[in-house]
N, C-alpha and C. Protein backbone atom coordinates (compact mmCIF):
# COMPACT_ATOMS: atom_id res chain seq x y z
N UNK A 1 9.89 0.88 -17.96
CA UNK A 1 9.87 0.34 -19.41
C UNK A 1 9.06 1.74 -19.49
N UNK A 2 9.39 1.90 -21.06
CA UNK A 2 9.35 3.32 -21.33
C UNK A 2 7.21 3.24 -21.57
N UNK A 3 6.99 4.58 -21.57
CA UNK A 3 5.29 4.84 -21.92
C UNK A 3 4.67 4.59 -22.92
N UNK A 4 5.50 4.13 -23.86
CA UNK A 4 5.07 3.47 -25.50
C UNK A 4 4.90 1.98 -25.44
N UNK A 5 5.98 1.34 -24.63
CA UNK A 5 5.85 0.00 -23.90
C UNK A 5 5.03 -0.46 -23.18
N UNK A 6 4.36 0.14 -22.33
CA UNK A 6 3.79 0.37 -21.70
C UNK A 6 1.91 0.16 -21.96
N UNK A 7 1.54 1.16 -23.02
CA UNK A 7 0.82 1.62 -23.57
C UNK A 7 0.75 0.08 -24.38
N UNK A 8 1.41 -0.18 -25.33
CA UNK A 8 1.32 -1.14 -25.94
C UNK A 8 0.93 -2.75 -24.67
N UNK A 9 1.53 -2.96 -23.98
CA UNK A 9 1.23 -4.02 -22.79
C UNK A 9 -0.02 -3.57 -22.98
N UNK A 10 -0.89 -2.13 -22.64
CA UNK A 10 -1.80 -2.61 -21.89
C UNK A 10 -3.21 -2.23 -22.94
N UNK A 11 -3.02 -2.37 -23.95
CA UNK A 11 -3.88 -2.42 -25.29
C UNK A 11 -3.68 -3.84 -25.48
N UNK A 12 -2.94 -4.64 -25.82
CA UNK A 12 -2.32 -6.19 -25.89
C UNK A 12 -3.15 -6.85 -25.03
N UNK A 13 -3.08 -6.43 -23.33
CA UNK A 13 -3.70 -7.37 -22.64
C UNK A 13 -5.37 -6.74 -22.77
N UNK A 14 -5.50 -5.56 -22.58
CA UNK A 14 -7.31 -5.40 -23.30
C UNK A 14 -8.09 -5.72 -24.28
N UNK A 15 -7.05 -6.34 -25.38
CA UNK A 15 -7.58 -6.54 -26.47
C UNK A 15 -7.84 -8.68 -26.19
N UNK A 16 -6.99 -9.18 -25.31
CA UNK A 16 -7.24 -10.38 -24.79
C UNK A 16 -8.23 -10.72 -23.94
N UNK A 17 -8.75 -9.66 -23.57
CA UNK A 17 -9.76 -9.80 -22.44
C UNK A 17 -9.05 -9.55 -21.04
N UNK A 18 -8.43 -9.04 -20.73
CA UNK A 18 -7.82 -9.09 -19.39
C UNK A 18 -8.94 -7.77 -18.35
N UNK A 19 -9.30 -8.12 -17.75
CA UNK A 19 -10.00 -7.41 -16.89
C UNK A 19 -9.07 -5.90 -15.58
N UNK A 20 -8.11 -6.38 -15.60
CA UNK A 20 -7.47 -5.76 -14.29
C UNK A 20 -5.71 -6.06 -14.20
N UNK A 21 -5.36 -5.29 -14.21
CA UNK A 21 -3.45 -4.98 -14.21
C UNK A 21 -3.36 -4.50 -12.49
N UNK A 22 -2.56 -4.91 -12.43
CA UNK A 22 -1.64 -4.92 -10.80
C UNK A 22 -0.40 -4.26 -11.50
N UNK A 23 0.55 -2.87 -10.65
CA UNK A 23 1.65 -2.08 -10.93
C UNK A 23 2.52 -2.30 -9.61
N UNK A 24 3.05 -3.08 -9.52
CA UNK A 24 4.20 -3.44 -8.92
C UNK A 24 5.60 -3.32 -9.53
N UNK A 25 6.56 -3.54 -8.13
CA UNK A 25 7.65 -4.11 -8.97
C UNK A 25 9.38 -4.26 -8.01
N UNK A 26 10.25 -3.92 -8.04
CA UNK A 26 11.15 -3.70 -7.67
C UNK A 26 11.88 -2.72 -7.08
N UNK A 27 10.81 -1.37 -6.99
CA UNK A 27 10.69 -0.32 -6.62
C UNK A 27 9.77 0.15 -6.75
N UNK A 28 9.46 1.83 -6.15
CA UNK A 28 8.60 2.22 -5.80
C UNK A 28 7.43 2.45 -7.03
N UNK A 29 6.84 2.12 -7.81
CA UNK A 29 5.54 2.32 -9.37
C UNK A 29 5.63 4.06 -9.04
N UNK A 30 5.37 4.73 -7.95
CA UNK A 30 5.04 5.35 -7.97
C UNK A 30 5.99 7.18 -8.31
N UNK A 31 7.08 5.95 -8.61
CA UNK A 31 8.15 7.18 -8.78
C UNK A 31 8.54 6.54 -10.51
N UNK A 32 7.93 6.47 -10.86
CA UNK A 32 8.06 6.49 -12.60
C UNK A 32 7.37 7.46 -13.04
N UNK A 33 8.40 8.48 -14.06
CA UNK A 33 7.97 9.65 -14.41
C UNK A 33 6.86 9.93 -14.88
N UNK A 34 6.40 8.89 -15.58
CA UNK A 34 4.73 8.71 -16.41
C UNK A 34 3.68 8.28 -15.73
N UNK A 35 3.65 7.92 -14.16
CA UNK A 35 3.17 7.18 -13.41
C UNK A 35 1.65 7.55 -13.78
N UNK A 36 1.57 9.19 -13.72
CA UNK A 36 -0.11 9.55 -14.06
C UNK A 36 -0.52 9.47 -15.00
N UNK A 37 0.55 9.23 -16.00
CA UNK A 37 -0.33 9.17 -17.83
C UNK A 37 -0.35 7.72 -17.70
N UNK A 38 0.33 6.50 -17.00
CA UNK A 38 0.17 5.31 -17.50
C UNK A 38 -1.57 5.06 -16.57
N UNK A 39 -1.26 5.47 -15.34
CA UNK A 39 -2.52 5.16 -14.58
C UNK A 39 -3.98 5.79 -15.40
N UNK A 40 -3.61 7.19 -16.06
CA UNK A 40 -5.21 7.72 -16.46
C UNK A 40 -5.11 6.75 -17.68
N UNK A 41 -4.14 6.44 -18.31
CA UNK A 41 -4.29 5.55 -19.83
C UNK A 41 -5.00 4.26 -19.29
N UNK A 42 -4.82 3.59 -18.35
CA UNK A 42 -5.36 2.19 -17.68
C UNK A 42 -6.87 2.33 -17.43
N UNK A 43 -6.96 3.83 -16.52
CA UNK A 43 -8.04 4.14 -16.64
C UNK A 43 -9.30 4.40 -17.65
N UNK A 44 -8.90 4.95 -18.23
CA UNK A 44 -9.85 5.06 -19.35
C UNK A 44 -10.02 3.86 -20.43
N UNK A 45 -9.20 2.90 -20.23
CA UNK A 45 -8.89 2.05 -21.11
C UNK A 45 -11.08 0.77 -20.14
N UNK A 46 -10.85 1.62 -19.09
CA UNK A 46 -11.83 1.00 -17.67
C UNK A 46 -11.85 -0.34 -17.50
N UNK A 47 -10.02 -0.48 -17.39
CA UNK A 47 -9.57 -1.84 -16.89
C UNK A 47 -9.80 -1.51 -15.26
N UNK A 48 -9.70 -1.92 -14.58
CA UNK A 48 -9.23 -2.13 -12.92
C UNK A 48 -8.55 -1.99 -12.69
N UNK A 49 -7.55 -1.55 -11.98
CA UNK A 49 -6.18 -1.30 -11.74
C UNK A 49 -5.64 -0.85 -9.75
N UNK A 50 -4.52 -2.14 -10.04
CA UNK A 50 -4.47 -2.59 -8.20
C UNK A 50 -2.91 -1.59 -8.11
N UNK A 51 -2.19 -0.65 -7.10
CA UNK A 51 -0.97 -0.26 -7.34
C UNK A 51 -0.80 -0.63 -6.01
N UNK A 52 0.57 -1.32 -5.56
CA UNK A 52 1.20 -1.56 -4.86
C UNK A 52 2.31 -0.62 -4.74
N UNK A 53 2.46 -0.36 -3.32
CA UNK A 53 2.98 0.88 -2.93
C UNK A 53 3.57 1.52 -1.54
N UNK A 54 4.19 2.22 -1.44
CA UNK A 54 4.48 2.35 -0.32
C UNK A 54 3.93 3.59 -0.07
N UNK A 55 3.32 4.50 -0.69
CA UNK A 55 2.60 5.99 -0.25
C UNK A 55 3.14 6.56 0.01
N UNK A 56 4.65 6.65 -0.03
CA UNK A 56 5.68 8.23 0.32
C UNK A 56 5.43 9.46 -1.05
N UNK A 57 5.01 9.07 -2.08
CA UNK A 57 4.94 9.64 -3.08
C UNK A 57 4.08 11.15 -2.92
N UNK A 58 3.85 11.74 -2.32
CA UNK A 58 2.93 13.23 -1.79
C UNK A 58 2.25 13.64 -3.32
N UNK A 59 3.49 13.40 -3.79
CA UNK A 59 3.00 14.90 -5.26
C UNK A 59 2.25 13.93 -5.78
N UNK A 60 2.43 12.34 -5.92
CA UNK A 60 1.58 11.94 -7.13
C UNK A 60 0.46 11.42 -6.03
N UNK A 61 0.53 11.29 -5.12
CA UNK A 61 -1.16 10.89 -4.25
C UNK A 61 -2.15 12.29 -4.35
N UNK A 62 -1.60 13.42 -4.43
CA UNK A 62 -2.39 14.92 -4.52
C UNK A 62 -3.10 15.03 -5.94
N UNK A 63 -2.00 14.58 -7.17
CA UNK A 63 -2.81 14.63 -7.81
C UNK A 63 -3.41 13.30 -8.49
N UNK A 64 -3.91 12.20 -7.95
CA UNK A 64 -4.15 11.41 -7.89
C UNK A 64 -5.75 11.65 -7.71
N UNK A 65 -5.52 12.17 -6.33
CA UNK A 65 -7.42 12.66 -5.90
C UNK A 65 -8.02 13.70 -6.92
N UNK A 66 -7.37 14.43 -7.94
CA UNK A 66 -8.00 14.85 -8.79
C UNK A 66 -8.35 14.02 -10.22
N UNK A 67 -7.73 13.00 -10.09
CA UNK A 67 -8.60 11.95 -11.35
C UNK A 67 -9.89 11.63 -11.02
N UNK A 68 -10.72 11.04 -12.50
CA UNK A 68 -11.80 11.08 -12.32
C UNK A 68 -12.42 9.80 -10.90
N UNK A 69 -13.38 9.83 -10.12
CA UNK A 69 -14.09 8.79 -9.55
C UNK A 69 -14.09 7.45 -9.68
N UNK A 70 -14.78 7.19 -11.42
CA UNK A 70 -15.19 6.13 -11.36
C UNK A 70 -13.93 5.81 -12.85
N UNK A 71 -13.02 6.00 -12.18
CA UNK A 71 -11.61 4.86 -12.24
C UNK A 71 -11.28 4.20 -11.71
N UNK A 72 -11.27 2.66 -11.70
CA UNK A 72 -11.44 1.62 -11.32
C UNK A 72 -9.98 1.15 -10.43
N UNK A 73 -9.80 1.81 -9.81
CA UNK A 73 -8.17 2.37 -8.86
C UNK A 73 -8.30 1.62 -7.17
N UNK A 74 -7.55 0.77 -7.19
CA UNK A 74 -7.50 0.42 -5.42
C UNK A 74 -5.76 0.17 -5.39
N UNK A 75 -5.39 0.74 -3.70
CA UNK A 75 -4.20 0.69 -3.48
C UNK A 75 -3.69 -0.52 -2.45
N UNK A 76 -2.76 -0.61 -2.81
CA UNK A 76 -2.36 -1.57 -1.24
C UNK A 76 -1.00 -1.16 -1.32
N UNK A 77 -1.03 -0.50 0.12
CA UNK A 77 0.18 0.18 0.54
C UNK A 77 0.72 -0.76 1.60
N UNK A 78 2.10 -0.59 1.61
CA UNK A 78 2.90 -1.59 2.97
C UNK A 78 3.37 -0.26 3.58
N UNK A 79 2.66 -0.40 4.80
CA UNK A 79 2.89 0.61 5.70
C UNK A 79 3.54 0.49 6.98
N UNK A 80 3.61 -0.70 7.38
CA UNK A 80 4.22 -1.58 8.17
C UNK A 80 4.55 -0.74 9.76
N UNK A 81 3.99 0.13 10.14
CA UNK A 81 4.59 1.18 11.07
C UNK A 81 2.62 1.23 11.44
N UNK A 82 2.83 1.62 12.71
CA UNK A 82 1.68 2.06 13.66
C UNK A 82 2.19 3.67 13.93
N UNK A 83 3.48 4.20 14.15
CA UNK A 83 3.55 5.41 14.67
C UNK A 83 4.80 5.74 13.96
N UNK A 84 5.18 7.06 14.56
CA UNK A 84 6.64 7.71 14.25
C UNK A 84 7.31 6.90 14.42
N UNK A 85 7.81 6.44 15.46
CA UNK A 85 9.01 5.55 16.01
C UNK A 85 8.83 4.40 15.02
N UNK A 86 8.10 3.81 14.79
CA UNK A 86 8.14 2.60 13.84
C UNK A 86 8.72 2.91 12.89
N UNK A 87 7.70 3.48 11.87
CA UNK A 87 7.96 3.95 10.85
C UNK A 87 9.75 4.24 10.92
N UNK A 88 10.39 5.15 11.39
CA UNK A 88 11.79 4.90 11.45
C UNK A 88 12.91 4.25 11.83
N UNK A 89 11.72 2.88 12.65
CA UNK A 89 12.61 2.01 12.33
C UNK A 89 12.94 0.73 11.50
N UNK A 90 11.52 0.99 10.92
CA UNK A 90 11.30 -0.38 10.11
C UNK A 90 11.25 0.22 8.44
N UNK A 91 11.32 2.15 8.13
CA UNK A 91 10.71 2.34 6.92
C UNK A 91 12.68 3.04 6.58
N UNK A 92 13.48 3.45 7.80
CA UNK A 92 14.55 4.60 7.90
C UNK A 92 13.96 5.85 7.78
N UNK A 93 12.94 5.96 7.78
CA UNK A 93 12.89 7.59 7.59
C UNK A 93 12.94 8.69 8.85
N UNK A 94 13.77 9.35 8.57
CA UNK A 94 13.97 10.66 9.72
C UNK A 94 13.12 12.00 9.66
N UNK A 95 12.84 12.20 8.62
CA UNK A 95 12.47 13.17 8.13
C UNK A 95 10.75 13.36 9.57
N UNK A 96 10.72 14.51 10.71
CA UNK A 96 10.03 14.70 11.98
C UNK A 96 8.83 15.15 11.37
N UNK A 97 7.91 14.35 11.35
CA UNK A 97 6.24 14.65 10.68
C UNK A 97 5.90 13.53 9.81
N UNK A 98 6.96 12.84 8.66
CA UNK A 98 6.77 12.32 7.92
C UNK A 98 5.33 11.14 7.95
N UNK A 99 5.51 11.09 8.77
CA UNK A 99 4.55 9.06 9.32
C UNK A 99 3.14 10.09 9.70
N UNK A 100 2.94 11.26 9.81
CA UNK A 100 1.68 11.93 10.08
C UNK A 100 1.22 12.47 8.65
N UNK A 101 2.55 13.18 7.81
CA UNK A 101 2.11 13.17 6.36
C UNK A 101 1.39 12.01 5.62
N UNK A 102 2.35 10.79 5.80
CA UNK A 102 1.35 10.05 5.27
C UNK A 102 0.47 9.67 5.34
N UNK A 103 -0.16 9.63 6.35
CA UNK A 103 -0.84 8.61 7.52
C UNK A 103 -2.47 9.60 6.82
N UNK A 104 -1.94 10.94 6.24
CA UNK A 104 -3.26 11.82 6.11
C UNK A 104 -3.14 11.81 4.01
N UNK A 105 -2.14 11.77 3.50
CA UNK A 105 -2.08 11.51 2.01
C UNK A 105 -2.87 10.00 2.25
N UNK A 106 -3.12 9.09 3.07
CA UNK A 106 -3.60 7.76 2.94
C UNK A 106 -4.97 7.91 2.99
N UNK A 107 -5.65 8.45 4.03
CA UNK A 107 -6.65 9.01 4.68
C UNK A 107 -7.25 9.13 3.12
N UNK A 108 -7.01 10.37 2.76
CA UNK A 108 -7.54 11.09 1.88
C UNK A 108 -7.90 10.37 0.73
N UNK A 109 -6.67 9.88 0.23
CA UNK A 109 -7.03 8.88 -0.99
C UNK A 109 -8.03 7.68 -0.55
N UNK A 110 -8.27 6.75 0.69
CA UNK A 110 -9.04 6.08 0.50
C UNK A 110 -10.48 6.66 0.70
N UNK A 111 -10.40 8.07 0.95
CA UNK A 111 -12.01 8.49 0.71
C UNK A 111 -12.10 8.82 -0.57
N UNK A 112 -11.30 8.53 -1.42
CA UNK A 112 -11.73 8.40 -3.03
C UNK A 112 -11.12 7.22 -3.84
N UNK A 113 -10.59 6.15 -3.56
CA UNK A 113 -10.39 5.07 -3.96
C UNK A 113 -9.87 3.97 -2.90
N UNK A 114 -10.56 2.83 -3.13
CA UNK A 114 -10.12 1.95 -1.82
C UNK A 114 -8.48 1.51 -1.45
N UNK A 115 -8.10 1.53 -0.36
CA UNK A 115 -7.26 1.63 0.05
C UNK A 115 -6.64 0.48 1.22
N UNK A 116 -5.57 -0.32 0.88
CA UNK A 116 -5.59 -1.68 1.85
C UNK A 116 -4.63 -1.60 2.36
N UNK A 117 -4.41 -1.68 3.67
CA UNK A 117 -2.87 -1.80 3.88
C UNK A 117 -1.83 -3.02 4.31
N UNK A 118 -0.74 -3.03 4.27
CA UNK A 118 0.05 -4.23 4.62
C UNK A 118 0.74 -4.31 5.35
N UNK A 119 1.38 -5.03 6.45
CA UNK A 119 1.81 -5.08 7.52
C UNK A 119 2.31 -6.29 7.55
N UNK A 120 3.87 -6.15 7.23
CA UNK A 120 5.21 -7.28 7.44
C UNK A 120 5.74 -6.90 8.71
N UNK A 121 5.46 -8.20 9.71
CA UNK A 121 5.56 -8.20 10.92
C UNK A 121 7.52 -8.57 11.13
N UNK A 122 8.18 -7.81 12.12
CA UNK A 122 9.32 -8.10 12.18
C UNK A 122 9.58 -8.06 13.50
N UNK A 123 10.85 -8.06 13.95
CA UNK A 123 10.83 -8.12 14.99
C UNK A 123 11.02 -6.42 15.74
N UNK A 124 11.06 -5.23 15.19
CA UNK A 124 11.19 -4.23 15.52
C UNK A 124 9.73 -3.89 15.70
N UNK A 125 8.25 -4.48 14.98
CA UNK A 125 7.14 -3.60 15.08
C UNK A 125 5.99 -4.56 15.35
N UNK A 126 6.51 -6.08 15.96
CA UNK A 126 5.72 -7.00 16.36
C UNK A 126 4.93 -6.20 17.37
N UNK A 127 5.35 -5.62 18.26
CA UNK A 127 3.92 -5.25 19.39
C UNK A 127 2.97 -4.51 19.08
N UNK A 128 3.60 -4.03 17.75
CA UNK A 128 2.77 -2.69 16.97
C UNK A 128 0.77 -2.96 16.38
N UNK A 129 0.57 -4.02 16.51
CA UNK A 129 0.47 -4.71 15.52
C UNK A 129 -1.25 -3.95 15.80
N UNK A 130 -1.83 -4.86 17.27
CA UNK A 130 -3.26 -3.84 17.41
C UNK A 130 -3.31 -2.38 16.77
N UNK A 131 -2.18 -1.09 17.33
CA UNK A 131 -2.03 -0.26 17.44
C UNK A 131 -2.07 -0.14 15.84
N UNK A 132 -1.59 -0.65 14.75
CA UNK A 132 -1.59 -0.76 13.57
C UNK A 132 -3.36 -0.73 12.83
N UNK A 133 -4.47 -1.89 13.37
CA UNK A 133 -5.51 -1.77 12.69
C UNK A 133 -6.02 -0.76 13.83
N UNK A 134 -5.68 -0.44 14.82
CA UNK A 134 -6.86 1.17 15.13
C UNK A 134 -6.23 2.20 15.00
N UNK A 135 -4.86 2.36 14.09
CA UNK A 135 -4.59 3.09 13.07
C UNK A 135 -5.40 3.32 11.72
N UNK A 136 -5.34 1.72 11.10
CA UNK A 136 -6.39 1.75 9.82
C UNK A 136 -7.61 2.69 10.09
N UNK A 137 -8.23 1.75 11.11
CA UNK A 137 -9.44 1.74 11.48
C UNK A 137 -9.55 3.38 11.78
N UNK A 138 -9.11 4.27 12.30
CA UNK A 138 -9.54 5.52 12.38
C UNK A 138 -8.97 6.69 11.02
N UNK A 139 -8.10 5.63 10.00
CA UNK A 139 -8.03 6.18 8.50
C UNK A 139 -9.20 6.27 7.72
N UNK A 140 -10.15 4.87 8.53
CA UNK A 140 -11.05 4.61 7.26
C UNK A 140 -10.69 3.49 6.61
N UNK A 141 -9.67 2.99 6.66
CA UNK A 141 -9.33 1.68 5.53
C UNK A 141 -9.82 0.58 6.34
N UNK A 142 -10.07 -0.25 5.68
CA UNK A 142 -10.97 -1.08 6.24
C UNK A 142 -10.21 -2.62 5.86
N UNK A 143 -9.09 -2.71 4.69
CA UNK A 143 -8.59 -3.54 4.49
C UNK A 143 -7.17 -3.90 5.09
N UNK A 144 -6.58 -4.85 5.71
CA UNK A 144 -5.51 -4.78 6.31
C UNK A 144 -5.53 -6.02 5.93
N UNK A 145 -3.71 -6.12 5.82
CA UNK A 145 -3.42 -7.69 6.21
C UNK A 145 -2.07 -7.67 6.78
N UNK A 146 -1.96 -9.05 7.26
CA UNK A 146 -0.27 -9.63 8.05
C UNK A 146 0.49 -9.78 7.16
N UNK A 147 1.55 -9.85 7.52
CA UNK A 147 2.55 -11.02 6.67
C UNK A 147 3.82 -11.27 7.15
N UNK A 148 4.24 -12.67 7.22
CA UNK A 148 5.71 -12.33 7.72
C UNK A 148 6.90 -12.22 7.04
N UNK A 149 8.48 -11.81 6.91
CA UNK A 149 9.05 -12.07 5.68
C UNK A 149 9.00 -12.90 5.51
N UNK A 150 10.39 -13.34 4.31
CA UNK A 150 10.19 -14.65 3.63
C UNK A 150 11.08 -15.28 4.46
N UNK A 151 11.83 -14.81 5.45
CA UNK A 151 12.20 -15.58 6.08
C UNK A 151 11.72 -16.31 7.70
N UNK A 152 10.39 -16.34 7.44
CA UNK A 152 9.48 -16.30 8.61
C UNK A 152 10.18 -17.95 9.05
N UNK A 153 10.56 -18.59 8.93
CA UNK A 153 10.94 -20.40 9.45
C UNK A 153 11.81 -20.03 10.84
N UNK A 154 12.22 -18.95 10.55
CA UNK A 154 13.48 -18.51 11.93
C UNK A 154 12.56 -18.22 13.26
N UNK A 155 11.16 -17.09 12.91
CA UNK A 155 10.28 -16.76 13.95
C UNK A 155 9.34 -18.15 14.22
N UNK A 156 8.97 -18.83 13.35
CA UNK A 156 8.14 -20.02 13.67
C UNK A 156 9.08 -20.78 14.85
N UNK A 157 10.42 -21.36 14.26
CA UNK A 157 10.84 -21.81 15.65
C UNK A 157 11.14 -21.64 16.99
N UNK A 158 11.40 -19.83 16.78
CA UNK A 158 11.33 -19.06 18.36
C UNK A 158 10.11 -18.86 18.54
N UNK A 159 8.90 -18.70 18.33
CA UNK A 159 7.61 -18.81 18.37
C UNK A 159 6.90 -17.13 18.68
N UNK A 160 8.10 -16.35 17.81
CA UNK A 160 7.72 -15.04 18.23
C UNK A 160 6.54 -14.46 18.41
N UNK A 161 5.76 -14.85 17.55
CA UNK A 161 4.43 -14.28 17.32
C UNK A 161 2.84 -14.92 18.14
N UNK A 162 3.30 -16.08 19.04
CA UNK A 162 2.05 -16.57 19.59
C UNK A 162 1.53 -15.87 20.64
N UNK A 163 2.18 -14.91 21.39
CA UNK A 163 1.92 -14.19 22.26
C UNK A 163 0.81 -13.00 21.95
N UNK A 164 1.55 -11.94 20.24
CA UNK A 164 1.48 -11.14 19.46
C UNK A 164 0.28 -11.29 18.97
N UNK A 165 0.05 -12.57 18.36
CA UNK A 165 -0.76 -13.14 17.09
C UNK A 165 -2.33 -12.96 18.55
N UNK A 166 -2.42 -13.81 19.85
CA UNK A 166 -2.75 -13.73 20.60
C UNK A 166 -3.73 -12.11 21.01
N UNK A 167 -3.06 -11.47 21.54
CA UNK A 167 -3.68 -9.89 21.47
C UNK A 167 -4.27 -9.62 20.24
N UNK A 168 -3.51 -9.49 18.95
CA UNK A 168 -4.13 -9.44 18.15
C UNK A 168 -5.80 -10.00 17.87
N UNK A 169 -5.63 -11.41 18.20
CA UNK A 169 -6.87 -11.49 17.78
C UNK A 169 -8.50 -11.32 18.80
N UNK A 170 -7.74 -11.16 20.04
CA UNK A 170 -8.62 -11.12 21.19
C UNK A 170 -8.65 -9.46 20.73
N UNK A 171 -8.40 -8.45 19.85
CA UNK A 171 -8.46 -7.00 20.11
C UNK A 171 -9.05 -6.96 18.35
N UNK A 172 -9.31 -7.63 17.75
CA UNK A 172 -9.95 -7.67 16.53
C UNK A 172 -11.80 -8.03 16.64
N UNK A 173 -12.49 -6.90 15.74
CA UNK A 173 -13.64 -6.99 16.18
C UNK A 173 -14.20 -8.10 14.56
C-alpha cells in the first residue's frame, strides 16, 4: 500500500472511532519503505499501535528508539529461538552474531515501548522453551506467548509436547 492510501485508511478509522491499529501482514511490516512515517502518523493521531514483526530490521528499530515516548506503540515479536543455534534452524539465519544483535535491539526497544515475544513451537525448538522464557526475563520482557503451528493436529497425535509442557510449567513462576 502506498503511504497516501495508508494515511487515508488511518484517517477514516480515526473518524469512525477506532482506538487501535495492528500492523501485520504477509511479510515484515518494518520493511515497508515508509514504515517510520506510517508509525509517526498513527502516533500523532493518538491511536494505539501494535506492530507484529520478527524484529530483524535493526535500522528501523534504532530509529524507533528516537520516537516520542508518549506514542502508544507495542510490539509483538515472533522470535521462536532461545539461542543462536535455534535461530539458525528456525529462521535460517547464518550471519554470526545475528541473534545477539537481535536480542540487544529488542531489549533496547522494550526499555522504551512494550515488547512481547511469540514462540511458535516446532520440533527443532521444542526443547528450548524454558530457555526462551529465561531469555525473555533477562531482556526485561514480561509478555511471552507460545503457539503450535497450524498443522498441530499431527503433534497432538504423537504427544510431542507433553513432557516439554510439564517442564515449562514447572519452571514458570
